Protein backbone atom coordinates (compact mmCIF):
# COMPACT_ATOMS: atom_id res chain seq x y z
CA UNK A 1 0.00 0.00 0.00
CA UNK A 2 1.67 3.28 -1.08
CA UNK A 3 2.03 5.86 1.65
CA UNK A 4 0.34 9.24 1.39
CA UNK A 5 1.71 12.50 2.76
CA UNK A 6 -0.89 14.56 4.59
CA UNK A 7 0.14 18.19 4.20
CA UNK A 8 -0.97 21.47 5.76
CA UNK A 9 -0.35 24.46 3.47
CA UNK A 10 -0.39 27.82 5.28
CA UNK A 11 -0.29 30.60 2.65
CA UNK A 12 -2.26 33.83 2.32
CA UNK A 13 -1.33 34.84 -1.23
CA UNK A 14 -3.76 33.43 -3.80
CA UNK A 15 -1.23 33.19 -6.63
CA UNK A 16 1.30 31.37 -4.46
CA UNK A 17 -1.40 29.03 -3.19
CA UNK A 18 -2.39 28.13 -6.75
CA UNK A 19 1.26 27.48 -7.61
CA UNK A 20 1.82 25.29 -4.56
CA UNK A 21 -1.33 23.27 -5.15
CA UNK A 22 -0.46 22.76 -8.81
CA UNK A 23 2.96 21.40 -7.87
CA UNK A 24 1.45 19.12 -5.23
CA UNK A 25 -1.20 17.87 -7.67
CA UNK A 26 1.50 16.84 -10.15
CA UNK A 27 3.99 15.45 -7.65
CA UNK A 28 5.27 11.88 -7.89
CA UNK A 29 4.75 11.70 -4.12
CA UNK A 30 1.18 10.71 -3.32
CA UNK A 31 -0.30 13.44 -1.13
CA UNK A 32 -3.38 15.16 0.19
CA UNK A 33 -3.37 18.74 1.45
CA UNK A 34 -5.43 21.27 3.35
CA UNK A 35 -4.96 25.01 2.69
CA UNK A 36 -5.09 27.62 5.44
CA UNK A 37 -4.92 31.35 4.73
CA UNK A 38 -3.70 32.31 8.19
CA UNK A 39 -1.78 30.71 11.04
CA UNK A 40 -4.61 31.21 13.54
CA UNK A 41 -7.07 29.00 11.65
CA UNK A 42 -4.31 26.43 11.13
CA UNK A 43 -3.61 26.27 14.87
CA UNK A 44 -7.32 26.02 15.63
CA UNK A 45 -7.61 22.88 13.50
CA UNK A 46 -4.24 21.35 14.35
CA UNK A 47 -4.19 17.94 16.01
CA UNK A 48 -1.16 15.89 16.93
CA UNK A 49 -0.45 13.31 14.21
CA UNK A 50 -2.87 14.84 11.71
CA UNK A 51 -0.21 16.01 9.25
CA UNK A 52 3.06 14.63 7.89
CA UNK A 53 4.36 17.98 6.63
CA UNK A 54 3.73 21.68 7.26
CA UNK A 55 4.38 24.16 4.43
CA UNK A 56 4.36 27.54 6.15
CA UNK A 57 4.55 30.99 4.56
CA UNK A 58 6.46 33.16 7.05
CA UNK A 59 4.95 36.52 6.08
CA UNK A 60 1.17 36.45 6.48
CA UNK A 61 -1.19 39.32 7.17
CA UNK A 62 -3.82 39.51 9.94
CA UNK A 63 -2.38 36.56 11.82
CA UNK A 64 0.33 35.48 14.18
CA UNK A 65 3.49 34.60 12.27
CA UNK A 66 4.30 31.11 11.09
CA UNK A 67 7.38 31.22 13.30
CA UNK A 68 5.12 31.78 16.31
CA UNK A 69 2.69 29.07 15.17
CA UNK A 70 5.44 26.48 14.69
CA UNK A 71 6.97 27.43 18.05
CA UNK A 72 3.62 26.51 19.63
CA UNK A 73 3.43 23.26 17.65
CA UNK A 74 6.95 22.33 18.75
CA UNK A 75 5.85 22.34 22.39
CA UNK A 76 3.85 19.16 21.74
CA UNK A 77 5.33 17.81 18.50
CA UNK A 78 9.10 17.96 18.12
CA UNK A 79 9.20 15.77 15.05
CA UNK A 80 6.70 16.93 12.43
CA UNK A 81 8.58 18.15 9.31
CA UNK A 82 8.22 21.87 8.62
CA UNK A 83 9.33 23.86 5.56
CA UNK A 84 9.12 27.65 5.59
CA UNK A 85 8.23 29.55 2.41
CA UNK A 86 9.37 33.16 2.14
CA UNK A 87 10.75 35.97 -0.01
CA UNK A 88 13.74 36.45 2.31
CA UNK A 89 16.29 34.33 4.16
CA UNK A 90 16.38 36.60 7.22
CA UNK A 91 14.55 34.02 9.34
CA UNK A 92 17.02 31.22 8.58
CA UNK A 93 18.31 31.15 12.18
CA UNK A 94 14.79 30.82 13.60
CA UNK A 95 14.03 28.10 11.05
CA UNK A 96 17.09 26.21 12.25
CA UNK A 97 15.99 26.62 15.89
CA UNK A 98 12.61 25.12 15.00
CA UNK A 99 14.26 22.17 13.19
CA UNK A 100 12.82 23.04 9.78
CA UNK A 101 13.72 20.59 7.03
CA UNK A 102 13.74 23.30 4.37
CA UNK A 103 13.60 27.00 3.59
CA UNK A 104 12.00 27.71 0.21
CA UNK A 105 12.22 31.10 -1.48
CA UNK A 106 9.34 32.42 -3.58
CA UNK A 107 8.32 31.80 -6.23
CA UNK A 108 8.34 28.15 -5.23
CA UNK A 109 9.91 25.85 -7.79
CA UNK A 110 8.74 22.30 -8.43
CA UNK A 111 12.27 20.99 -7.89
CA UNK A 112 12.65 22.62 -4.47
CA UNK A 113 9.24 21.48 -3.28
CA UNK A 114 9.87 17.98 -4.62
CA UNK A 115 13.00 17.75 -2.47
CA UNK A 116 10.97 18.75 0.59
CA UNK A 117 8.26 16.16 -0.19
CA UNK A 118 10.84 13.41 -0.57
CA UNK A 119 12.49 14.37 2.74
CA UNK A 120 9.11 14.31 4.49
CA UNK A 121 8.29 10.92 2.96
CA UNK A 122 11.63 9.52 4.12
CA UNK A 123 10.85 10.75 7.63
CA UNK A 124 7.39 9.21 7.49
CA UNK A 125 8.90 5.92 6.32
CA UNK A 126 11.04 5.93 9.46
CA UNK A 127 8.04 6.59 11.69
CA UNK A 128 6.87 3.98 14.24
CA UNK A 129 4.95 1.28 12.41
CA UNK A 130 2.94 -1.89 12.74
CA UNK A 131 4.06 -4.90 10.69
CA UNK A 132 1.45 -7.44 9.63
CA UNK A 133 1.54 -10.41 7.29
CA UNK A 134 -0.76 -10.16 4.28
CA UNK A 135 -0.77 -12.24 1.11
CA UNK A 136 2.38 -14.09 2.23
CA UNK A 137 4.38 -10.89 2.67
CA UNK A 138 4.97 -8.38 5.45
CA UNK A 139 3.19 -5.05 5.18
CA UNK A 140 4.18 -1.92 7.07
CA UNK A 141 1.53 0.48 8.41
CA UNK A 142 2.39 3.77 10.08
CA UNK A 143 0.95 3.79 13.59
CA UNK A 144 -0.27 7.34 13.06
CA UNK A 145 -2.51 6.11 10.21
CA UNK A 146 -4.27 3.46 12.31
CA UNK A 147 -7.53 4.50 13.98
CA UNK A 148 -8.33 1.20 15.65
CA UNK A 149 -7.84 -2.54 15.28
CA UNK A 150 -10.62 -5.09 15.63
CA UNK A 151 -10.37 -8.87 16.08
CA UNK A 152 -13.12 -10.94 14.49
CA UNK A 153 -12.70 -14.69 14.81
CA UNK A 154 -9.32 -15.51 13.21
CA UNK A 155 -8.98 -12.20 11.37
CA UNK A 156 -8.05 -8.71 12.42
CA UNK A 157 -9.42 -5.64 10.68
CA UNK A 158 -7.22 -2.56 10.76
CA UNK A 159 -9.22 0.62 10.31
CA UNK A 160 -7.15 3.45 8.85
CA UNK A 161 -7.87 7.14 8.54
CA UNK A 162 -9.61 8.23 5.33
CA UNK A 163 -12.04 5.29 5.87
CA UNK A 164 -9.63 2.65 4.62
CA UNK A 165 -9.65 -0.88 6.04
CA UNK A 166 -7.35 -3.85 5.61
CA UNK A 167 -7.68 -7.36 7.00
CA UNK A 168 -5.28 -10.18 7.67
CA UNK A 169 -5.08 -13.48 9.54
CA UNK A 170 -3.39 -12.44 12.76
CA UNK A 171 -4.16 -12.32 16.47
CA UNK A 172 -4.46 -8.96 18.18
CA UNK A 173 -2.68 -10.41 21.19
CA UNK A 174 0.33 -11.19 18.98
CA UNK A 175 0.45 -7.62 17.62
CA UNK A 176 -0.06 -5.74 20.87
CA UNK A 177 3.68 -5.62 21.64
CA UNK A 178 4.07 -3.38 18.58
CA UNK A 179 1.55 -0.86 19.92
CA UNK A 180 3.08 1.75 22.28
CA UNK A 181 1.05 2.26 25.45
CA UNK A 182 1.28 6.05 25.24
CA UNK A 183 -0.61 5.97 21.92
CA UNK A 184 -2.76 2.82 21.98
CA UNK A 185 -5.16 1.42 24.55
CA UNK A 186 -6.76 -2.03 24.56
CA UNK A 187 -10.22 -1.55 26.11
CA UNK A 188 -11.33 -5.08 25.27
CA UNK A 189 -9.64 -8.31 24.16
CA UNK A 190 -10.95 -7.71 20.63
CA UNK A 191 -9.99 -4.04 20.19
CA UNK A 192 -7.05 -1.65 20.24
CA UNK A 193 -7.68 2.07 19.77
CA UNK A 194 -5.35 4.87 18.74
CA UNK A 195 -6.01 7.52 21.38
CA UNK A 196 -5.34 10.33 18.91
CA UNK A 197 -8.57 9.36 17.10
CA UNK A 198 -10.77 9.15 20.21
CA UNK A 199 -13.18 12.08 20.47
CA UNK A 200 -14.65 11.18 23.86
CA UNK A 201 -15.75 8.41 26.20
CA UNK A 202 -19.48 7.72 26.32
CA UNK A 203 -19.93 6.75 29.97
CA UNK A 204 -23.51 5.58 29.53
CA UNK A 205 -22.64 3.19 26.70
CA UNK A 206 -19.20 2.44 28.17
CA UNK A 207 -17.34 2.98 24.93
CA UNK A 208 -14.76 5.09 23.15
CA UNK A 209 -16.33 7.27 20.45
CA UNK A 210 -13.91 7.42 17.53
CA UNK A 211 -13.37 10.17 14.97
CA UNK A 212 -15.46 8.21 12.44
CA UNK A 213 -18.30 7.89 15.03
CA UNK A 214 -17.60 4.21 15.64
CA UNK A 215 -18.23 3.07 19.22
CA UNK A 216 -15.51 0.84 20.65
CA UNK A 217 -16.64 -1.06 23.79
CA UNK A 218 -14.73 -0.69 27.06
CA UNK A 219 -14.80 -3.57 29.54
CA UNK A 220 -16.35 -2.49 32.81
CA UNK A 221 -13.20 -3.29 34.81
CA UNK A 222 -11.08 -1.18 32.41
CA UNK A 223 -13.26 1.95 32.54
CA UNK A 224 -11.01 3.76 35.02
CA UNK A 225 -7.82 2.90 33.14
CA UNK A 226 -9.40 3.97 29.84
CA UNK A 227 -10.34 7.37 31.27
CA UNK A 228 -6.85 7.90 32.72
CA UNK A 229 -5.14 6.84 29.47
CA UNK A 230 -7.20 9.31 27.44
CA UNK A 231 -6.66 12.13 29.95
CA UNK A 232 -2.91 11.50 29.94
CA UNK A 233 -2.83 11.51 26.14
CA UNK A 234 -4.78 14.79 25.95
CA UNK A 235 -2.55 16.39 28.57
CA UNK A 236 0.66 15.34 26.81
CA UNK A 237 -0.48 16.50 23.36
CA UNK A 238 -2.57 19.61 23.93
CA UNK A 239 -0.95 21.55 26.76
CA UNK A 240 1.20 23.58 24.34
CA UNK A 241 -1.78 24.59 22.19
CA UNK A 242 -3.71 26.51 24.85
C-alpha atoms as a PDB file:
ATOM      1  CA  UNK A   1       0.000   0.000   0.000  1.00  0.00           C
ATOM      2  CA  UNK A   2       1.671   3.284  -1.082  1.00  0.00           C
ATOM      3  CA  UNK A   3       2.034   5.860   1.647  1.00  0.00           C
ATOM      4  CA  UNK A   4       0.341   9.245   1.387  1.00  0.00           C
ATOM      5  CA  UNK A   5       1.712  12.504   2.757  1.00  0.00           C
ATOM      6  CA  UNK A   6      -0.895  14.560   4.591  1.00  0.00           C
ATOM      7  CA  UNK A   7       0.143  18.188   4.203  1.00  0.00           C
ATOM      8  CA  UNK A   8      -0.967  21.468   5.763  1.00  0.00           C
ATOM      9  CA  UNK A   9      -0.354  24.460   3.475  1.00  0.00           C
ATOM     10  CA  UNK A  10      -0.394  27.816   5.275  1.00  0.00           C
ATOM     11  CA  UNK A  11      -0.291  30.600   2.648  1.00  0.00           C
ATOM     12  CA  UNK A  12      -2.265  33.833   2.321  1.00  0.00           C
ATOM     13  CA  UNK A  13      -1.325  34.838  -1.231  1.00  0.00           C
ATOM     14  CA  UNK A  14      -3.757  33.434  -3.795  1.00  0.00           C
ATOM     15  CA  UNK A  15      -1.231  33.193  -6.632  1.00  0.00           C
ATOM     16  CA  UNK A  16       1.303  31.372  -4.457  1.00  0.00           C
ATOM     17  CA  UNK A  17      -1.397  29.025  -3.191  1.00  0.00           C
ATOM     18  CA  UNK A  18      -2.389  28.132  -6.751  1.00  0.00           C
ATOM     19  CA  UNK A  19       1.262  27.479  -7.614  1.00  0.00           C
ATOM     20  CA  UNK A  20       1.820  25.291  -4.558  1.00  0.00           C
ATOM     21  CA  UNK A  21      -1.334  23.271  -5.153  1.00  0.00           C
ATOM     22  CA  UNK A  22      -0.457  22.755  -8.810  1.00  0.00           C
ATOM     23  CA  UNK A  23       2.964  21.397  -7.875  1.00  0.00           C
ATOM     24  CA  UNK A  24       1.447  19.124  -5.230  1.00  0.00           C
ATOM     25  CA  UNK A  25      -1.196  17.868  -7.669  1.00  0.00           C
ATOM     26  CA  UNK A  26       1.497  16.843 -10.150  1.00  0.00           C
ATOM     27  CA  UNK A  27       3.991  15.447  -7.655  1.00  0.00           C
ATOM     28  CA  UNK A  28       5.266  11.884  -7.894  1.00  0.00           C
ATOM     29  CA  UNK A  29       4.754  11.705  -4.116  1.00  0.00           C
ATOM     30  CA  UNK A  30       1.176  10.713  -3.324  1.00  0.00           C
ATOM     31  CA  UNK A  31      -0.297  13.438  -1.134  1.00  0.00           C
ATOM     32  CA  UNK A  32      -3.378  15.165   0.188  1.00  0.00           C
ATOM     33  CA  UNK A  33      -3.368  18.736   1.451  1.00  0.00           C
ATOM     34  CA  UNK A  34      -5.431  21.274   3.352  1.00  0.00           C
ATOM     35  CA  UNK A  35      -4.958  25.005   2.692  1.00  0.00           C
ATOM     36  CA  UNK A  36      -5.086  27.623   5.441  1.00  0.00           C
ATOM     37  CA  UNK A  37      -4.921  31.351   4.727  1.00  0.00           C
ATOM     38  CA  UNK A  38      -3.696  32.307   8.191  1.00  0.00           C
ATOM     39  CA  UNK A  39      -1.784  30.710  11.042  1.00  0.00           C
ATOM     40  CA  UNK A  40      -4.613  31.207  13.544  1.00  0.00           C
ATOM     41  CA  UNK A  41      -7.068  29.000  11.646  1.00  0.00           C
ATOM     42  CA  UNK A  42      -4.313  26.434  11.128  1.00  0.00           C
ATOM     43  CA  UNK A  43      -3.605  26.265  14.869  1.00  0.00           C
ATOM     44  CA  UNK A  44      -7.321  26.025  15.633  1.00  0.00           C
ATOM     45  CA  UNK A  45      -7.612  22.878  13.497  1.00  0.00           C
ATOM     46  CA  UNK A  46      -4.243  21.349  14.354  1.00  0.00           C
ATOM     47  CA  UNK A  47      -4.190  17.941  16.012  1.00  0.00           C
ATOM     48  CA  UNK A  48      -1.162  15.887  16.927  1.00  0.00           C
ATOM     49  CA  UNK A  49      -0.447  13.306  14.211  1.00  0.00           C
ATOM     50  CA  UNK A  50      -2.868  14.836  11.714  1.00  0.00           C
ATOM     51  CA  UNK A  51      -0.207  16.011   9.246  1.00  0.00           C
ATOM     52  CA  UNK A  52       3.057  14.628   7.894  1.00  0.00           C
ATOM     53  CA  UNK A  53       4.361  17.982   6.627  1.00  0.00           C
ATOM     54  CA  UNK A  54       3.733  21.680   7.257  1.00  0.00           C
ATOM     55  CA  UNK A  55       4.382  24.158   4.434  1.00  0.00           C
ATOM     56  CA  UNK A  56       4.356  27.544   6.152  1.00  0.00           C
ATOM     57  CA  UNK A  57       4.550  30.995   4.559  1.00  0.00           C
ATOM     58  CA  UNK A  58       6.457  33.162   7.051  1.00  0.00           C
ATOM     59  CA  UNK A  59       4.946  36.517   6.077  1.00  0.00           C
ATOM     60  CA  UNK A  60       1.166  36.446   6.482  1.00  0.00           C
ATOM     61  CA  UNK A  61      -1.191  39.321   7.169  1.00  0.00           C
ATOM     62  CA  UNK A  62      -3.823  39.509   9.939  1.00  0.00           C
ATOM     63  CA  UNK A  63      -2.381  36.562  11.822  1.00  0.00           C
ATOM     64  CA  UNK A  64       0.334  35.478  14.180  1.00  0.00           C
ATOM     65  CA  UNK A  65       3.493  34.598  12.266  1.00  0.00           C
ATOM     66  CA  UNK A  66       4.296  31.106  11.091  1.00  0.00           C
ATOM     67  CA  UNK A  67       7.384  31.220  13.297  1.00  0.00           C
ATOM     68  CA  UNK A  68       5.120  31.776  16.312  1.00  0.00           C
ATOM     69  CA  UNK A  69       2.691  29.070  15.171  1.00  0.00           C
ATOM     70  CA  UNK A  70       5.437  26.485  14.688  1.00  0.00           C
ATOM     71  CA  UNK A  71       6.967  27.430  18.054  1.00  0.00           C
ATOM     72  CA  UNK A  72       3.618  26.510  19.633  1.00  0.00           C
ATOM     73  CA  UNK A  73       3.432  23.261  17.648  1.00  0.00           C
ATOM     74  CA  UNK A  74       6.952  22.335  18.746  1.00  0.00           C
ATOM     75  CA  UNK A  75       5.848  22.338  22.385  1.00  0.00           C
ATOM     76  CA  UNK A  76       3.847  19.165  21.735  1.00  0.00           C
ATOM     77  CA  UNK A  77       5.334  17.812  18.504  1.00  0.00           C
ATOM     78  CA  UNK A  78       9.098  17.960  18.125  1.00  0.00           C
ATOM     79  CA  UNK A  79       9.205  15.768  15.046  1.00  0.00           C
ATOM     80  CA  UNK A  80       6.699  16.932  12.429  1.00  0.00           C
ATOM     81  CA  UNK A  81       8.582  18.145   9.310  1.00  0.00           C
ATOM     82  CA  UNK A  82       8.225  21.872   8.619  1.00  0.00           C
ATOM     83  CA  UNK A  83       9.330  23.859   5.565  1.00  0.00           C
ATOM     84  CA  UNK A  84       9.121  27.654   5.587  1.00  0.00           C
ATOM     85  CA  UNK A  85       8.226  29.548   2.412  1.00  0.00           C
ATOM     86  CA  UNK A  86       9.366  33.160   2.135  1.00  0.00           C
ATOM     87  CA  UNK A  87      10.745  35.971  -0.008  1.00  0.00           C
ATOM     88  CA  UNK A  88      13.735  36.447   2.309  1.00  0.00           C
ATOM     89  CA  UNK A  89      16.293  34.335   4.158  1.00  0.00           C
ATOM     90  CA  UNK A  90      16.375  36.604   7.220  1.00  0.00           C
ATOM     91  CA  UNK A  91      14.553  34.022   9.336  1.00  0.00           C
ATOM     92  CA  UNK A  92      17.023  31.223   8.581  1.00  0.00           C
ATOM     93  CA  UNK A  93      18.312  31.147  12.178  1.00  0.00           C
ATOM     94  CA  UNK A  94      14.790  30.819  13.602  1.00  0.00           C
ATOM     95  CA  UNK A  95      14.029  28.104  11.053  1.00  0.00           C
ATOM     96  CA  UNK A  96      17.089  26.213  12.248  1.00  0.00           C
ATOM     97  CA  UNK A  97      15.991  26.625  15.886  1.00  0.00           C
ATOM     98  CA  UNK A  98      12.611  25.117  14.999  1.00  0.00           C
ATOM     99  CA  UNK A  99      14.261  22.171  13.193  1.00  0.00           C
ATOM    100  CA  UNK A 100      12.821  23.040   9.781  1.00  0.00           C
ATOM    101  CA  UNK A 101      13.721  20.587   7.031  1.00  0.00           C
ATOM    102  CA  UNK A 102      13.737  23.304   4.371  1.00  0.00           C
ATOM    103  CA  UNK A 103      13.600  26.995   3.590  1.00  0.00           C
ATOM    104  CA  UNK A 104      12.004  27.711   0.205  1.00  0.00           C
ATOM    105  CA  UNK A 105      12.223  31.099  -1.479  1.00  0.00           C
ATOM    106  CA  UNK A 106       9.341  32.420  -3.576  1.00  0.00           C
ATOM    107  CA  UNK A 107       8.323  31.801  -6.229  1.00  0.00           C
ATOM    108  CA  UNK A 108       8.339  28.154  -5.227  1.00  0.00           C
ATOM    109  CA  UNK A 109       9.914  25.854  -7.790  1.00  0.00           C
ATOM    110  CA  UNK A 110       8.738  22.303  -8.433  1.00  0.00           C
ATOM    111  CA  UNK A 111      12.273  20.989  -7.895  1.00  0.00           C
ATOM    112  CA  UNK A 112      12.647  22.617  -4.467  1.00  0.00           C
ATOM    113  CA  UNK A 113       9.240  21.483  -3.280  1.00  0.00           C
ATOM    114  CA  UNK A 114       9.866  17.979  -4.618  1.00  0.00           C
ATOM    115  CA  UNK A 115      12.998  17.755  -2.469  1.00  0.00           C
ATOM    116  CA  UNK A 116      10.965  18.747   0.588  1.00  0.00           C
ATOM    117  CA  UNK A 117       8.262  16.163  -0.190  1.00  0.00           C
ATOM    118  CA  UNK A 118      10.844  13.413  -0.568  1.00  0.00           C
ATOM    119  CA  UNK A 119      12.490  14.367   2.742  1.00  0.00           C
ATOM    120  CA  UNK A 120       9.106  14.306   4.487  1.00  0.00           C
ATOM    121  CA  UNK A 121       8.287  10.921   2.965  1.00  0.00           C
ATOM    122  CA  UNK A 122      11.630   9.517   4.123  1.00  0.00           C
ATOM    123  CA  UNK A 123      10.847  10.751   7.626  1.00  0.00           C
ATOM    124  CA  UNK A 124       7.387   9.206   7.495  1.00  0.00           C
ATOM    125  CA  UNK A 125       8.899   5.919   6.320  1.00  0.00           C
ATOM    126  CA  UNK A 126      11.044   5.933   9.460  1.00  0.00           C
ATOM    127  CA  UNK A 127       8.039   6.594  11.693  1.00  0.00           C
ATOM    128  CA  UNK A 128       6.875   3.977  14.239  1.00  0.00           C
ATOM    129  CA  UNK A 129       4.950   1.276  12.406  1.00  0.00           C
ATOM    130  CA  UNK A 130       2.941  -1.893  12.738  1.00  0.00           C
ATOM    131  CA  UNK A 131       4.061  -4.897  10.691  1.00  0.00           C
ATOM    132  CA  UNK A 132       1.452  -7.439   9.628  1.00  0.00           C
ATOM    133  CA  UNK A 133       1.538 -10.409   7.292  1.00  0.00           C
ATOM    134  CA  UNK A 134      -0.760 -10.155   4.276  1.00  0.00           C
ATOM    135  CA  UNK A 135      -0.770 -12.244   1.108  1.00  0.00           C
ATOM    136  CA  UNK A 136       2.376 -14.091   2.234  1.00  0.00           C
ATOM    137  CA  UNK A 137       4.383 -10.893   2.668  1.00  0.00           C
ATOM    138  CA  UNK A 138       4.966  -8.384   5.449  1.00  0.00           C
ATOM    139  CA  UNK A 139       3.194  -5.048   5.182  1.00  0.00           C
ATOM    140  CA  UNK A 140       4.183  -1.920   7.072  1.00  0.00           C
ATOM    141  CA  UNK A 141       1.531   0.476   8.413  1.00  0.00           C
ATOM    142  CA  UNK A 142       2.394   3.773  10.079  1.00  0.00           C
ATOM    143  CA  UNK A 143       0.946   3.786  13.590  1.00  0.00           C
ATOM    144  CA  UNK A 144      -0.272   7.344  13.057  1.00  0.00           C
ATOM    145  CA  UNK A 145      -2.510   6.113  10.207  1.00  0.00           C
ATOM    146  CA  UNK A 146      -4.266   3.457  12.314  1.00  0.00           C
ATOM    147  CA  UNK A 147      -7.532   4.501  13.982  1.00  0.00           C
ATOM    148  CA  UNK A 148      -8.333   1.197  15.649  1.00  0.00           C
ATOM    149  CA  UNK A 149      -7.843  -2.544  15.280  1.00  0.00           C
ATOM    150  CA  UNK A 150     -10.618  -5.087  15.630  1.00  0.00           C
ATOM    151  CA  UNK A 151     -10.368  -8.869  16.081  1.00  0.00           C
ATOM    152  CA  UNK A 152     -13.121 -10.937  14.491  1.00  0.00           C
ATOM    153  CA  UNK A 153     -12.703 -14.692  14.805  1.00  0.00           C
ATOM    154  CA  UNK A 154      -9.318 -15.506  13.208  1.00  0.00           C
ATOM    155  CA  UNK A 155      -8.978 -12.203  11.369  1.00  0.00           C
ATOM    156  CA  UNK A 156      -8.047  -8.712  12.416  1.00  0.00           C
ATOM    157  CA  UNK A 157      -9.421  -5.642  10.682  1.00  0.00           C
ATOM    158  CA  UNK A 158      -7.225  -2.557  10.763  1.00  0.00           C
ATOM    159  CA  UNK A 159      -9.222   0.625  10.312  1.00  0.00           C
ATOM    160  CA  UNK A 160      -7.149   3.446   8.853  1.00  0.00           C
ATOM    161  CA  UNK A 161      -7.869   7.136   8.538  1.00  0.00           C
ATOM    162  CA  UNK A 162      -9.609   8.234   5.335  1.00  0.00           C
ATOM    163  CA  UNK A 163     -12.040   5.293   5.868  1.00  0.00           C
ATOM    164  CA  UNK A 164      -9.632   2.646   4.619  1.00  0.00           C
ATOM    165  CA  UNK A 165      -9.646  -0.875   6.042  1.00  0.00           C
ATOM    166  CA  UNK A 166      -7.353  -3.848   5.608  1.00  0.00           C
ATOM    167  CA  UNK A 167      -7.681  -7.356   7.000  1.00  0.00           C
ATOM    168  CA  UNK A 168      -5.281 -10.179   7.670  1.00  0.00           C
ATOM    169  CA  UNK A 169      -5.081 -13.479   9.539  1.00  0.00           C
ATOM    170  CA  UNK A 170      -3.387 -12.437  12.760  1.00  0.00           C
ATOM    171  CA  UNK A 171      -4.162 -12.319  16.471  1.00  0.00           C
ATOM    172  CA  UNK A 172      -4.463  -8.958  18.176  1.00  0.00           C
ATOM    173  CA  UNK A 173      -2.678 -10.407  21.194  1.00  0.00           C
ATOM    174  CA  UNK A 174       0.332 -11.185  18.980  1.00  0.00           C
ATOM    175  CA  UNK A 175       0.451  -7.624  17.618  1.00  0.00           C
ATOM    176  CA  UNK A 176      -0.064  -5.741  20.874  1.00  0.00           C
ATOM    177  CA  UNK A 177       3.675  -5.620  21.641  1.00  0.00           C
ATOM    178  CA  UNK A 178       4.075  -3.380  18.575  1.00  0.00           C
ATOM    179  CA  UNK A 179       1.547  -0.858  19.920  1.00  0.00           C
ATOM    180  CA  UNK A 180       3.077   1.751  22.276  1.00  0.00           C
ATOM    181  CA  UNK A 181       1.053   2.259  25.451  1.00  0.00           C
ATOM    182  CA  UNK A 182       1.282   6.049  25.239  1.00  0.00           C
ATOM    183  CA  UNK A 183      -0.611   5.973  21.921  1.00  0.00           C
ATOM    184  CA  UNK A 184      -2.758   2.819  21.977  1.00  0.00           C
ATOM    185  CA  UNK A 185      -5.161   1.418  24.548  1.00  0.00           C
ATOM    186  CA  UNK A 186      -6.762  -2.035  24.564  1.00  0.00           C
ATOM    187  CA  UNK A 187     -10.225  -1.552  26.111  1.00  0.00           C
ATOM    188  CA  UNK A 188     -11.327  -5.080  25.273  1.00  0.00           C
ATOM    189  CA  UNK A 189      -9.641  -8.308  24.162  1.00  0.00           C
ATOM    190  CA  UNK A 190     -10.951  -7.714  20.628  1.00  0.00           C
ATOM    191  CA  UNK A 191      -9.993  -4.042  20.194  1.00  0.00           C
ATOM    192  CA  UNK A 192      -7.045  -1.648  20.244  1.00  0.00           C
ATOM    193  CA  UNK A 193      -7.680   2.068  19.767  1.00  0.00           C
ATOM    194  CA  UNK A 194      -5.347   4.871  18.741  1.00  0.00           C
ATOM    195  CA  UNK A 195      -6.014   7.522  21.385  1.00  0.00           C
ATOM    196  CA  UNK A 196      -5.343  10.329  18.913  1.00  0.00           C
ATOM    197  CA  UNK A 197      -8.569   9.361  17.098  1.00  0.00           C
ATOM    198  CA  UNK A 198     -10.770   9.151  20.207  1.00  0.00           C
ATOM    199  CA  UNK A 199     -13.178  12.083  20.473  1.00  0.00           C
ATOM    200  CA  UNK A 200     -14.651  11.179  23.860  1.00  0.00           C
ATOM    201  CA  UNK A 201     -15.745   8.413  26.200  1.00  0.00           C
ATOM    202  CA  UNK A 202     -19.478   7.715  26.323  1.00  0.00           C
ATOM    203  CA  UNK A 203     -19.927   6.749  29.970  1.00  0.00           C
ATOM    204  CA  UNK A 204     -23.515   5.585  29.527  1.00  0.00           C
ATOM    205  CA  UNK A 205     -22.642   3.193  26.701  1.00  0.00           C
ATOM    206  CA  UNK A 206     -19.197   2.439  28.172  1.00  0.00           C
ATOM    207  CA  UNK A 207     -17.343   2.976  24.928  1.00  0.00           C
ATOM    208  CA  UNK A 208     -14.761   5.088  23.146  1.00  0.00           C
ATOM    209  CA  UNK A 209     -16.328   7.273  20.448  1.00  0.00           C
ATOM    210  CA  UNK A 210     -13.906   7.422  17.525  1.00  0.00           C
ATOM    211  CA  UNK A 211     -13.375  10.171  14.967  1.00  0.00           C
ATOM    212  CA  UNK A 212     -15.461   8.213  12.438  1.00  0.00           C
ATOM    213  CA  UNK A 213     -18.297   7.892  15.026  1.00  0.00           C
ATOM    214  CA  UNK A 214     -17.604   4.211  15.644  1.00  0.00           C
ATOM    215  CA  UNK A 215     -18.233   3.074  19.223  1.00  0.00           C
ATOM    216  CA  UNK A 216     -15.506   0.837  20.653  1.00  0.00           C
ATOM    217  CA  UNK A 217     -16.636  -1.061  23.790  1.00  0.00           C
ATOM    218  CA  UNK A 218     -14.735  -0.689  27.061  1.00  0.00           C
ATOM    219  CA  UNK A 219     -14.804  -3.571  29.537  1.00  0.00           C
ATOM    220  CA  UNK A 220     -16.353  -2.490  32.814  1.00  0.00           C
ATOM    221  CA  UNK A 221     -13.202  -3.288  34.809  1.00  0.00           C
ATOM    222  CA  UNK A 222     -11.085  -1.184  32.411  1.00  0.00           C
ATOM    223  CA  UNK A 223     -13.262   1.950  32.538  1.00  0.00           C
ATOM    224  CA  UNK A 224     -11.014   3.756  35.016  1.00  0.00           C
ATOM    225  CA  UNK A 225      -7.820   2.901  33.139  1.00  0.00           C
ATOM    226  CA  UNK A 226      -9.401   3.969  29.837  1.00  0.00           C
ATOM    227  CA  UNK A 227     -10.335   7.369  31.266  1.00  0.00           C
ATOM    228  CA  UNK A 228      -6.848   7.902  32.719  1.00  0.00           C
ATOM    229  CA  UNK A 229      -5.144   6.838  29.474  1.00  0.00           C
ATOM    230  CA  UNK A 230      -7.197   9.308  27.437  1.00  0.00           C
ATOM    231  CA  UNK A 231      -6.657  12.127  29.945  1.00  0.00           C
ATOM    232  CA  UNK A 232      -2.906  11.495  29.936  1.00  0.00           C
ATOM    233  CA  UNK A 233      -2.834  11.512  26.140  1.00  0.00           C
ATOM    234  CA  UNK A 234      -4.783  14.788  25.948  1.00  0.00           C
ATOM    235  CA  UNK A 235      -2.545  16.388  28.568  1.00  0.00           C
ATOM    236  CA  UNK A 236       0.663  15.343  26.805  1.00  0.00           C
ATOM    237  CA  UNK A 237      -0.476  16.504  23.363  1.00  0.00           C
ATOM    238  CA  UNK A 238      -2.568  19.614  23.927  1.00  0.00           C
ATOM    239  CA  UNK A 239      -0.948  21.546  26.757  1.00  0.00           C
ATOM    240  CA  UNK A 240       1.199  23.577  24.344  1.00  0.00           C
ATOM    241  CA  UNK A 241      -1.780  24.586  22.191  1.00  0.00           C
ATOM    242  CA  UNK A 242      -3.713  26.509  24.845  1.00  0.00           C
END
